[in-house]
C-alpha atoms as a PDB file:
ATOM      1  CA  MET A   1      -5.992  53.743  26.324  1.00  0.00           C
ATOM      2  CA  PRO A   2      -7.017  54.335  22.714  1.00  0.00           C
ATOM      3  CA  GLU A   3      -7.194  51.398  20.301  1.00  0.00           C
ATOM      4  CA  ASP A   4      -4.373  52.866  18.186  1.00  0.00           C
ATOM      5  CA  TRP A   5      -2.071  52.894  21.230  1.00  0.00           C
ATOM      6  CA  ASN A   6       1.384  51.445  20.645  1.00  0.00           C
ATOM      7  CA  PHE A   7       4.419  50.760  22.780  1.00  0.00           C
ATOM      8  CA  GLU A   8       6.581  53.519  21.331  1.00  0.00           C
ATOM      9  CA  GLN A   9       3.903  56.152  21.923  1.00  0.00           C
ATOM     10  CA  GLY A  10       3.394  54.775  25.414  1.00  0.00           C
ATOM     11  CA  LEU A  11       7.073  55.281  26.205  1.00  0.00           C
ATOM     12  CA  THR A  12       6.981  58.809  24.808  1.00  0.00           C
ATOM     13  CA  ASP A  13       3.913  59.602  26.908  1.00  0.00           C
ATOM     14  CA  LEU A  14       5.541  58.056  29.986  1.00  0.00           C
ATOM     15  CA  GLU A  15       8.641  60.221  29.492  1.00  0.00           C
ATOM     16  CA  SER A  16       6.379  63.291  29.343  1.00  0.00           C
ATOM     17  CA  VAL A  17       4.708  62.255  32.573  1.00  0.00           C
ATOM     18  CA  VAL A  18       8.070  61.865  34.304  1.00  0.00           C
ATOM     19  CA  LYS A  19       9.255  65.292  33.105  1.00  0.00           C
ATOM     20  CA  GLU A  20       5.999  66.893  34.220  1.00  0.00           C
ATOM     21  CA  LEU A  21       6.264  65.332  37.678  1.00  0.00           C
ATOM     22  CA  GLU A  22       9.956  66.212  38.006  1.00  0.00           C
ATOM     23  CA  SER A  23       9.222  69.855  37.255  1.00  0.00           C
ATOM     24  CA  GLY A  24       7.639  70.192  40.692  1.00  0.00           C
ATOM     25  CA  ASP A  25       5.315  72.919  39.412  1.00  0.00           C
ATOM     26  CA  LEU A  26       2.077  70.946  39.699  1.00  0.00           C
ATOM     27  CA  PRO A  27      -0.590  71.454  42.316  1.00  0.00           C
ATOM     28  CA  LEU A  28      -1.134  68.353  44.437  1.00  0.00           C
ATOM     29  CA  GLU A  29      -4.364  67.185  42.764  1.00  0.00           C
ATOM     30  CA  LYS A  30      -2.895  67.589  39.260  1.00  0.00           C
ATOM     31  CA  ALA A  31       0.291  65.782  40.344  1.00  0.00           C
ATOM     32  CA  ILE A  32      -1.798  62.851  41.571  1.00  0.00           C
ATOM     33  CA  GLN A  33      -3.701  62.709  38.271  1.00  0.00           C
ATOM     34  CA  VAL A  34      -0.458  62.790  36.271  1.00  0.00           C
ATOM     35  CA  PHE A  35       1.050  60.114  38.532  1.00  0.00           C
ATOM     36  CA  GLU A  36      -2.008  57.874  38.002  1.00  0.00           C
ATOM     37  CA  ARG A  37      -1.597  58.271  34.228  1.00  0.00           C
ATOM     38  CA  GLY A  38       2.064  57.332  34.594  1.00  0.00           C
ATOM     39  CA  VAL A  39       1.198  54.176  36.511  1.00  0.00           C
ATOM     40  CA  THR A  40      -1.336  53.209  33.845  1.00  0.00           C
ATOM     41  CA  LEU A  41       1.188  53.829  31.053  1.00  0.00           C
ATOM     42  CA  SER A  42       3.885  51.912  32.911  1.00  0.00           C
ATOM     43  CA  ASP A  43       1.587  48.915  33.405  1.00  0.00           C
ATOM     44  CA  ARG A  44       0.567  48.941  29.744  1.00  0.00           C
ATOM     45  CA  CYS A  45       4.186  49.165  28.538  1.00  0.00           C
ATOM     46  CA  ARG A  46       5.237  46.348  30.896  1.00  0.00           C
ATOM     47  CA  LYS A  47       2.428  44.138  29.569  1.00  0.00           C
ATOM     48  CA  GLU A  48       3.471  44.847  25.971  1.00  0.00           C
ATOM     49  CA  LEU A  49       7.059  43.864  26.815  1.00  0.00           C
ATOM     50  CA  GLU A  50       5.940  40.673  28.552  1.00  0.00           C
ATOM     51  CA  ASP A  51       3.783  39.727  25.555  1.00  0.00           C
ATOM     52  CA  ALA A  52       6.682  40.381  23.165  1.00  0.00           C
ATOM     53  CA  GLU A  53       9.029  38.293  25.318  1.00  0.00           C
ATOM     54  CA  THR A  54       6.552  35.411  25.310  1.00  0.00           C
ATOM     55  CA  ARG A  55       6.219  35.578  21.522  1.00  0.00           C
ATOM     56  CA  VAL A  56      10.021  35.479  21.136  1.00  0.00           C
ATOM     57  CA  GLU A  57      10.219  32.496  23.490  1.00  0.00           C
ATOM     58  CA  ILE A  58       7.568  30.686  21.431  1.00  0.00           C
ATOM     59  CA  LEU A  59       9.591  31.287  18.265  1.00  0.00           C
ATOM     60  CA  LEU A  60      12.847  30.125  19.866  1.00  0.00           C
ATOM     61  CA  LYS A  61      11.271  26.918  21.201  1.00  0.00           C
ATOM     62  CA  ARG A  62      10.432  25.838  17.663  1.00  0.00           C
ATOM     63  CA  GLY A  63      14.095  25.301  16.885  1.00  0.00           C
ATOM     64  CA  ASP A  64      14.913  25.508  13.189  1.00  0.00           C
ATOM     65  CA  LYS A  65      11.278  26.070  12.174  1.00  0.00           C
ATOM     66  CA  THR A  66      10.400  29.723  12.579  1.00  0.00           C
ATOM     67  CA  GLU A  67       6.695  30.251  12.309  1.00  0.00           C
ATOM     68  CA  ALA A  68       4.915  33.110  13.976  1.00  0.00           C
ATOM     69  CA  GLU A  69       1.663  32.457  15.748  1.00  0.00           C
ATOM     70  CA  PRO A  70      -0.689  34.822  17.542  1.00  0.00           C
ATOM     71  CA  PHE A  71       0.116  35.154  21.206  1.00  0.00           C
ATOM     72  CA  ASP A  72      -2.455  33.561  23.506  1.00  0.00           C
ATOM     73  CA  PRO A  73      -1.752  34.400  27.172  1.00  0.00           C
ATOM     74  CA  THR A  74      -3.972  31.513  28.329  1.00  0.00           C
ATOM     75  CA  LYS A  75      -1.883  28.934  26.465  1.00  0.00           C
ATOM     76  CA  GLU A  76       1.493  27.784  27.770  1.00  0.00           C
END
């Protein structure tokens, strides 16, 4: 994925993949390549959502003090 990748673009790309696969007009090898791209996009989007959920949980646990901090997946 490119460095400038973002969640919204990932969802847009994933929707394109789904439409392309649903068309049924792809040769088998191309369909497999498109499916692999879809899996990669899906995994990346899921990770972004999990990271966002963790950040929200961190903010909520601070009670009345709302201070953002960088997300560190190795820290509980």
